Each structure stands twice: as C-alpha cells, then as structure tokens.
C-alpha atoms as a PDB file:
ATOM      1  CA  MET A   1     -26.533  -9.995  27.084  1.00  0.00           C
ATOM      2  CA  ARG A   2     -25.148  -6.761  25.668  1.00  0.00           C
ATOM      3  CA  ALA A   3     -21.625  -8.267  25.613  1.00  0.00           C
ATOM      4  CA  LEU A   4     -22.913 -11.345  23.766  1.00  0.00           C
ATOM      5  CA  ILE A   5     -24.616  -9.203  21.138  1.00  0.00           C
ATOM      6  CA  ALA A   6     -21.447  -7.124  20.713  1.00  0.00           C
ATOM      7  CA  THR A   7     -19.373 -10.298  20.298  1.00  0.00           C
ATOM      8  CA  ILE A   8     -21.770 -11.715  17.707  1.00  0.00           C
ATOM      9  CA  PHE A   9     -21.788  -8.405  15.816  1.00  0.00           C
ATOM     10  CA  THR A  10     -17.976  -8.313  15.824  1.00  0.00           C
ATOM     11  CA  LEU A  11     -17.748 -11.877  14.509  1.00  0.00           C
ATOM     12  CA  LEU A  12     -20.329 -11.235  11.807  1.00  0.00           C
ATOM     13  CA  SER A  13     -18.626  -7.996  10.781  1.00  0.00           C
ATOM     14  CA  ALA A  14     -15.257  -9.754  10.558  1.00  0.00           C
ATOM     15  CA  SER A  15     -16.664 -12.595   8.457  1.00  0.00           C
ATOM     16  CA  VAL A  16     -18.451 -10.176   6.110  1.00  0.00           C
ATOM     17  CA  MET A  17     -15.269  -8.125   5.787  1.00  0.00           C
ATOM     18  CA  ALA A  18     -13.206 -11.259   5.074  1.00  0.00           C
ATOM     19  CA  ALA A  19     -15.716 -12.325   2.423  1.00  0.00           C
ATOM     20  CA  ASP A  20     -15.527  -8.875   0.800  1.00  0.00           C
ATOM     21  CA  CYS A  21     -11.748  -8.725   0.889  1.00  0.00           C
ATOM     22  CA  PRO A  22      -9.843  -9.975  -2.170  1.00  0.00           C
ATOM     23  CA  ALA A  23      -7.745 -13.054  -1.371  1.00  0.00           C
ATOM     24  CA  PHE A  24      -4.512 -11.382  -2.483  1.00  0.00           C
ATOM     25  CA  LEU A  25      -4.841  -8.857   0.351  1.00  0.00           C
ATOM     26  CA  ASN A  26      -5.485 -11.530   2.973  1.00  0.00           C
ATOM     27  CA  HIS A  27      -1.875 -12.117   4.002  1.00  0.00           C
ATOM     28  CA  ASP A  28       0.096 -11.131   7.051  1.00  0.00           C
ATOM     29  CA  LEU A  29       2.895  -8.835   5.929  1.00  0.00           C
ATOM     30  CA  ARG A  30       5.627  -7.679   8.269  1.00  0.00           C
ATOM     31  CA  LYS A  31       5.900  -3.942   8.741  1.00  0.00           C
ATOM     32  CA  LEU A  32       9.175  -2.200   7.967  1.00  0.00           C
ATOM     33  CA  HIS A  33      11.755  -2.569  10.780  1.00  0.00           C
ATOM     34  CA  SER A  34       9.200  -4.103  13.110  1.00  0.00           C
ATOM     35  CA  ALA A  35       8.162  -7.441  14.534  1.00  0.00           C
ATOM     36  CA  ASP A  36       4.538  -6.393  13.922  1.00  0.00           C
ATOM     37  CA  SER A  37       2.580  -7.582  10.918  1.00  0.00           C
ATOM     38  CA  VAL A  38      -0.414  -6.177   9.133  1.00  0.00           C
ATOM     39  CA  ASN A  39      -3.103  -7.949   7.147  1.00  0.00           C
ATOM     40  CA  LEU A  40      -4.265  -5.683   4.334  1.00  0.00           C
ATOM     41  CA  CYS A  41      -7.797  -7.069   4.688  1.00  0.00           C
ATOM     42  CA  ASP A  42      -7.852  -5.660   8.205  1.00  0.00           C
ATOM     43  CA  LEU A  43      -6.334  -2.392   7.040  1.00  0.00           C
ATOM     44  CA  ALA A  44      -8.032  -1.801   3.706  1.00  0.00           C
ATOM     45  CA  ALA A  45     -11.009  -4.102   3.066  1.00  0.00           C
ATOM     46  CA  GLY A  46     -13.673  -2.074   1.304  1.00  0.00           C
ATOM     47  CA  LYS A  47     -11.360   0.918   0.906  1.00  0.00           C
ATOM     48  CA  PRO A  48      -9.458   2.265  -2.083  1.00  0.00           C
ATOM     49  CA  MET A  49      -5.683   1.996  -1.928  1.00  0.00           C
ATOM     50  CA  LEU A  50      -2.574   3.593  -3.347  1.00  0.00           C
ATOM     51  CA  VAL A  51       0.111   0.903  -3.486  1.00  0.00           C
ATOM     52  CA  VAL A  52       3.724   1.922  -4.183  1.00  0.00           C
ATOM     53  CA  ASN A  53       6.961  -0.046  -4.486  1.00  0.00           C
ATOM     54  CA  THR A  54       9.699   1.944  -2.783  1.00  0.00           C
ATOM     55  CA  ALA A  55      13.462   2.046  -2.259  1.00  0.00           C
ATOM     56  CA  SER A  56      15.376   4.299   0.094  1.00  0.00           C
ATOM     57  CA  HIS A  57      18.375   5.021  -2.184  1.00  0.00           C
ATOM     58  CA  CYS A  58      16.574   5.881  -5.418  1.00  0.00           C
ATOM     59  CA  GLY A  59      16.456   9.174  -7.272  1.00  0.00           C
ATOM     60  CA  TYR A  60      12.707   9.122  -6.635  1.00  0.00           C
ATOM     61  CA  THR A  61      13.019   8.639  -2.852  1.00  0.00           C
ATOM     62  CA  GLY A  62      11.945  12.258  -2.354  1.00  0.00           C
ATOM     63  CA  GLN A  63       8.467  11.113  -3.444  1.00  0.00           C
ATOM     64  CA  PHE A  64       7.952   9.806   0.099  1.00  0.00           C
ATOM     65  CA  GLU A  65       7.120  13.400   1.027  1.00  0.00           C
ATOM     66  CA  GLY A  66       4.363  13.620  -1.597  1.00  0.00           C
ATOM     67  CA  LEU A  67       3.028  10.163  -0.734  1.00  0.00           C
ATOM     68  CA  GLU A  68       2.771  11.212   2.905  1.00  0.00           C
ATOM     69  CA  ALA A  69       0.901  14.359   1.815  1.00  0.00           C
ATOM     70  CA  LEU A  70      -1.576  12.193  -0.147  1.00  0.00           C
ATOM     71  CA  HIS A  71      -1.990   9.929   2.878  1.00  0.00           C
ATOM     72  CA  ARG A  72      -2.747  12.876   5.146  1.00  0.00           C
ATOM     73  CA  GLU A  73      -5.102  14.507   2.651  1.00  0.00           C
ATOM     74  CA  TYR A  74      -7.105  11.449   1.605  1.00  0.00           C
ATOM     75  CA  SER A  75      -7.095   9.137   4.641  1.00  0.00           C
ATOM     76  CA  GLY A  76     -10.236  10.849   5.926  1.00  0.00           C
ATOM     77  CA  GLU A  77     -11.928   9.889   2.655  1.00  0.00           C
ATOM     78  CA  GLY A  78     -10.940   6.253   3.102  1.00  0.00           C
ATOM     79  CA  LEU A  79      -7.796   6.027   0.946  1.00  0.00           C
ATOM     80  CA  VAL A  80      -5.155   3.677   2.333  1.00  0.00           C
ATOM     81  CA  VAL A  81      -1.564   4.285   1.216  1.00  0.00           C
ATOM     82  CA  VAL A  82       0.779   1.302   1.477  1.00  0.00           C
ATOM     83  CA  GLY A  83       4.463   1.310   0.582  1.00  0.00           C
ATOM     84  CA  PHE A  84       6.321  -1.900  -0.196  1.00  0.00           C
ATOM     85  CA  ALA A  85      10.052  -1.549   0.353  1.00  0.00           C
ATOM     86  CA  SER A  86      11.916  -3.605  -2.238  1.00  0.00           C
ATOM     87  CA  ASP A  87      15.444  -4.234  -3.407  1.00  0.00           C
ATOM     88  CA  ASP A  88      14.357  -5.590  -6.806  1.00  0.00           C
ATOM     89  CA  PHE A  89      16.196  -2.718  -8.499  1.00  0.00           C
ATOM     90  CA  ARG A  90      19.177  -2.783  -6.100  1.00  0.00           C
ATOM     91  CA  GLN A  91      18.433   0.556  -4.466  1.00  0.00           C
ATOM     92  CA  GLU A  92      17.086  -0.383  -1.058  1.00  0.00           C
ATOM     93  CA  ALA A  93      19.144   0.286   2.058  1.00  0.00           C
ATOM     94  CA  ALA A  94      21.436  -2.460   3.316  1.00  0.00           C
ATOM     95  CA  THR A  95      19.446  -2.737   6.559  1.00  0.00           C
ATOM     96  CA  GLU A  96      15.827  -2.294   7.521  1.00  0.00           C
ATOM     97  CA  GLU A  97      16.933   0.101  10.224  1.00  0.00           C
ATOM     98  CA  GLU A  98      18.428   2.397   7.590  1.00  0.00           C
ATOM     99  CA  ALA A  99      15.380   2.052   5.311  1.00  0.00           C
ATOM    100  CA  ALA A 100      13.102   2.879   8.233  1.00  0.00           C
ATOM    101  CA  SER A 101      15.212   5.914   9.099  1.00  0.00           C
ATOM    102  CA  VAL A 102      14.874   7.218   5.537  1.00  0.00           C
ATOM    103  CA  CYS A 103      11.093   6.715   5.555  1.00  0.00           C
ATOM    104  CA  PHE A 104      10.110   7.628   9.067  1.00  0.00           C
ATOM    105  CA  LYS A 105      12.765  10.130  10.167  1.00  0.00           C
ATOM    106  CA  ASN A 106      13.848  11.809   6.930  1.00  0.00           C
ATOM    107  CA  PHE A 107      10.399  12.024   5.324  1.00  0.00           C
ATOM    108  CA  GLY A 108       7.983  11.672   8.257  1.00  0.00           C
ATOM    109  CA  VAL A 109       6.127   8.727   6.736  1.00  0.00           C
ATOM    110  CA  THR A 110       3.135   7.624   8.813  1.00  0.00           C
ATOM    111  CA  PHE A 111       1.414   5.431   6.219  1.00  0.00           C
ATOM    112  CA  THR A 112       1.957   1.668   6.346  1.00  0.00           C
ATOM    113  CA  MET A 113       5.334   0.521   5.085  1.00  0.00           C
ATOM    114  CA  ILE A 114       5.953  -3.172   4.439  1.00  0.00           C
ATOM    115  CA  ALA A 115       9.357  -4.769   5.093  1.00  0.00           C
ATOM    116  CA  PRO A 116      11.533  -5.375   2.006  1.00  0.00           C
ATOM    117  CA  THR A 117       9.982  -7.916  -0.308  1.00  0.00           C
ATOM    118  CA  ALA A 118      10.050  -8.815  -3.989  1.00  0.00           C
ATOM    119  CA  VAL A 119       7.590  -6.944  -6.216  1.00  0.00           C
ATOM    120  CA  THR A 120       8.572  -8.393  -9.604  1.00  0.00           C
ATOM    121  CA  GLY A 121       8.760 -11.806 -11.202  1.00  0.00           C
ATOM    122  CA  SER A 122       7.834 -15.153  -9.725  1.00  0.00           C
ATOM    123  CA  ASP A 123       9.203 -14.161  -6.305  1.00  0.00           C
ATOM    124  CA  ALA A 124       6.820 -11.187  -5.985  1.00  0.00           C
ATOM    125  CA  ASN A 125       4.777 -11.055  -2.794  1.00  0.00           C
ATOM    126  CA  PRO A 126       1.080 -12.044  -3.148  1.00  0.00           C
ATOM    127  CA  VAL A 127      -0.107  -8.426  -3.352  1.00  0.00           C
ATOM    128  CA  PHE A 128       2.243  -7.553  -6.189  1.00  0.00           C
ATOM    129  CA  ARG A 129       1.631 -10.870  -7.985  1.00  0.00           C
ATOM    130  CA  ALA A 130      -2.043  -9.867  -8.206  1.00  0.00           C
ATOM    131  CA  ILE A 131      -1.252  -6.253  -9.124  1.00  0.00           C
ATOM    132  CA  ASN A 132       1.193  -7.419 -11.801  1.00  0.00           C
ATOM    133  CA  ASN A 133      -1.439  -9.768 -13.248  1.00  0.00           C
ATOM    134  CA  GLN A 134      -4.039  -6.995 -13.334  1.00  0.00           C
ATOM    135  CA  SER A 135      -1.748  -4.282 -14.632  1.00  0.00           C
ATOM    136  CA  ARG A 136       1.982  -4.271 -15.257  1.00  0.00           C
ATOM    137  CA  GLN A 137       4.798  -5.087 -12.922  1.00  0.00           C
ATOM    138  CA  PRO A 138       7.043  -2.284 -11.715  1.00  0.00           C
ATOM    139  CA  ASP A 139       9.885  -1.444 -14.057  1.00  0.00           C
ATOM    140  CA  TRP A 140      11.584   0.719 -11.429  1.00  0.00           C
ATOM    141  CA  ASN A 141      11.026   2.027  -7.900  1.00  0.00           C
ATOM    142  CA  PHE A 142       8.061   4.238  -6.987  1.00  0.00           C
ATOM    143  CA  ASN A 143       5.517   2.826  -9.420  1.00  0.00           C
ATOM    144  CA  LYS A 144       2.077   3.757  -8.142  1.00  0.00           C
ATOM    145  CA  TYR A 145      -1.081   1.652  -8.382  1.00  0.00           C
ATOM    146  CA  VAL A 146      -4.530   3.069  -7.678  1.00  0.00           C
ATOM    147  CA  VAL A 147      -6.708   0.188  -6.475  1.00  0.00           C
ATOM    148  CA  ASN A 148     -10.461   0.457  -5.959  1.00  0.00           C
ATOM    149  CA  ASP A 149     -12.409  -0.787  -2.949  1.00  0.00           C
ATOM    150  CA  ARG A 150     -12.899  -4.178  -4.653  1.00  0.00           C
ATOM    151  CA  GLY A 151      -9.162  -4.764  -5.124  1.00  0.00           C
ATOM    152  CA  GLU A 152      -9.067  -3.912  -8.834  1.00  0.00           C
ATOM    153  CA  VAL A 153      -6.178  -1.897 -10.230  1.00  0.00           C
ATOM    154  CA  ILE A 154      -7.794   1.151 -11.829  1.00  0.00           C
ATOM    155  CA  GLU A 155      -4.634   2.910 -13.003  1.00  0.00           C
ATOM    156  CA  ALA A 156      -0.890   2.429 -12.824  1.00  0.00           C
ATOM    157  CA  PHE A 157       1.678   5.205 -12.923  1.00  0.00           C
ATOM    158  CA  PRO A 158       5.416   4.965 -13.551  1.00  0.00           C
ATOM    159  CA  SER A 159       8.093   6.408 -11.276  1.00  0.00           C
ATOM    160  CA  ARG A 160       8.285   9.718 -13.101  1.00  0.00           C
ATOM    161  CA  VAL A 161       4.671  10.562 -12.203  1.00  0.00           C
ATOM    162  CA  ALA A 162       4.980  12.515  -8.970  1.00  0.00           C
ATOM    163  CA  PRO A 163       2.504  12.093  -6.104  1.00  0.00           C
ATOM    164  CA  ASP A 164       1.272  15.663  -6.603  1.00  0.00           C
ATOM    165  CA  SER A 165       0.724  15.249 -10.353  1.00  0.00           C
ATOM    166  CA  ALA A 166      -2.718  16.072 -11.689  1.00  0.00           C
ATOM    167  CA  GLU A 167      -3.085  12.676 -13.360  1.00  0.00           C
ATOM    168  CA  LEU A 168      -2.446  10.703 -10.153  1.00  0.00           C
ATOM    169  CA  ARG A 169      -4.613  13.015  -8.052  1.00  0.00           C
ATOM    170  CA  ASN A 170      -7.441  12.717 -10.608  1.00  0.00           C
ATOM    171  CA  ALA A 171      -7.274   8.918 -10.434  1.00  0.00           C
ATOM    172  CA  ILE A 172      -7.351   9.044  -6.624  1.00  0.00           C
ATOM    173  CA  ASP A 173     -10.276  11.489  -6.687  1.00  0.00           C
ATOM    174  CA  ARG A 174     -12.208   9.124  -8.969  1.00  0.00           C
ATOM    175  CA  VAL A 175     -11.545   5.996  -6.901  1.00  0.00           C
ATOM    176  CA  VAL A 176     -12.427   7.784  -3.652  1.00  0.00           C
ATOM    177  CA  ALA A 177     -15.622   9.198  -5.161  1.00  0.00           C
ATOM    178  CA  ASP A 178     -16.661   5.768  -6.496  1.00  0.00           C
ATOM    179  CA  ARG A 179     -16.363   4.224  -3.060  1.00  0.00           C
END
C-alpha cells in the first residue's frame, strides 16, 4: 500500500511540475560532450535560472570561473545556472571534447552545460527562441539572462557584465528572493 501511495504521489508531483513548467523548457537537450540529455523542466521547474550562451575561445571565456562561483553560491537558494555552448559567433571549439575540456577541466564547471546549439535567429534552440522573444537575442558570447521561477526573463546582461558585477548579483538576489 505504501508503495502504491508513493507511486501515485510521484505521478501527481510530476504532472503538477509539468503543468507549472513553461513549454519552452520542456525539451530534451543533450549535455556537452555526453550522450546524456537533460530536460530543463526536470532540472529547473519552479526555480529561477541564469542562462548564458557560451563559447570556449572567446575573450570572455574566463567568465566561466565567475559563473561557477555563482552556481556554487546560489544553488542552495534554488538558482539553476545553465550554459549553452554555441558557435553562432564563430568562437566555439572545433570539437565538443575540446569545449568540454575548457569548461570542465580548465574552469571546473559543475553547472549544466548544453552541447553546441544555435542561440540566435530562426535556428535558435527552443529555449533561446523564447528568451529572444522575451528579451533580446545575444549579440555576442556570454550574454546572461536572469529568468524567474515562472520562466520569464527578468533582466538581460551583455557580455561585458561580469558574473561578479553588482548589477547581475542584484538581479539574481531579487529573483531568488521572489521565489
């Protein structure tokens, strides 16, 4: 009986979570240099997010370190950091193995990184199509989007705004507090 109740609770929880998750997050996205996929509804439904388009050979690549620091600092408060590797600006590594090495080995990234995908124009992945419609599409690598727990872009920051900047941290503090 206990197992049946647990199963029913799990199914109800999953259906409530799916209903609360914005459709643009409900896609299976392959993780960087992996056969595994992640569905952002499973990862971030009901949680605020920091979404970033990344490239491993950009002058801003050092921001991975600051993004990882934000992930470590705010994950306990529910913030989910997700990086989307992209070659839209011709600065991504030639192979996923190299891109993964830059992220995971050089900068110690532990937050979710998505395999290279388009983030601009009509070829943009579903997450960035929605972000671009709500805000503005990236004009370079390492644009940062603070998204609330309902999937709404609250603020967008250009590449030059560092992860440790007061303006980005203030936006994250607000979205985490509003949760």
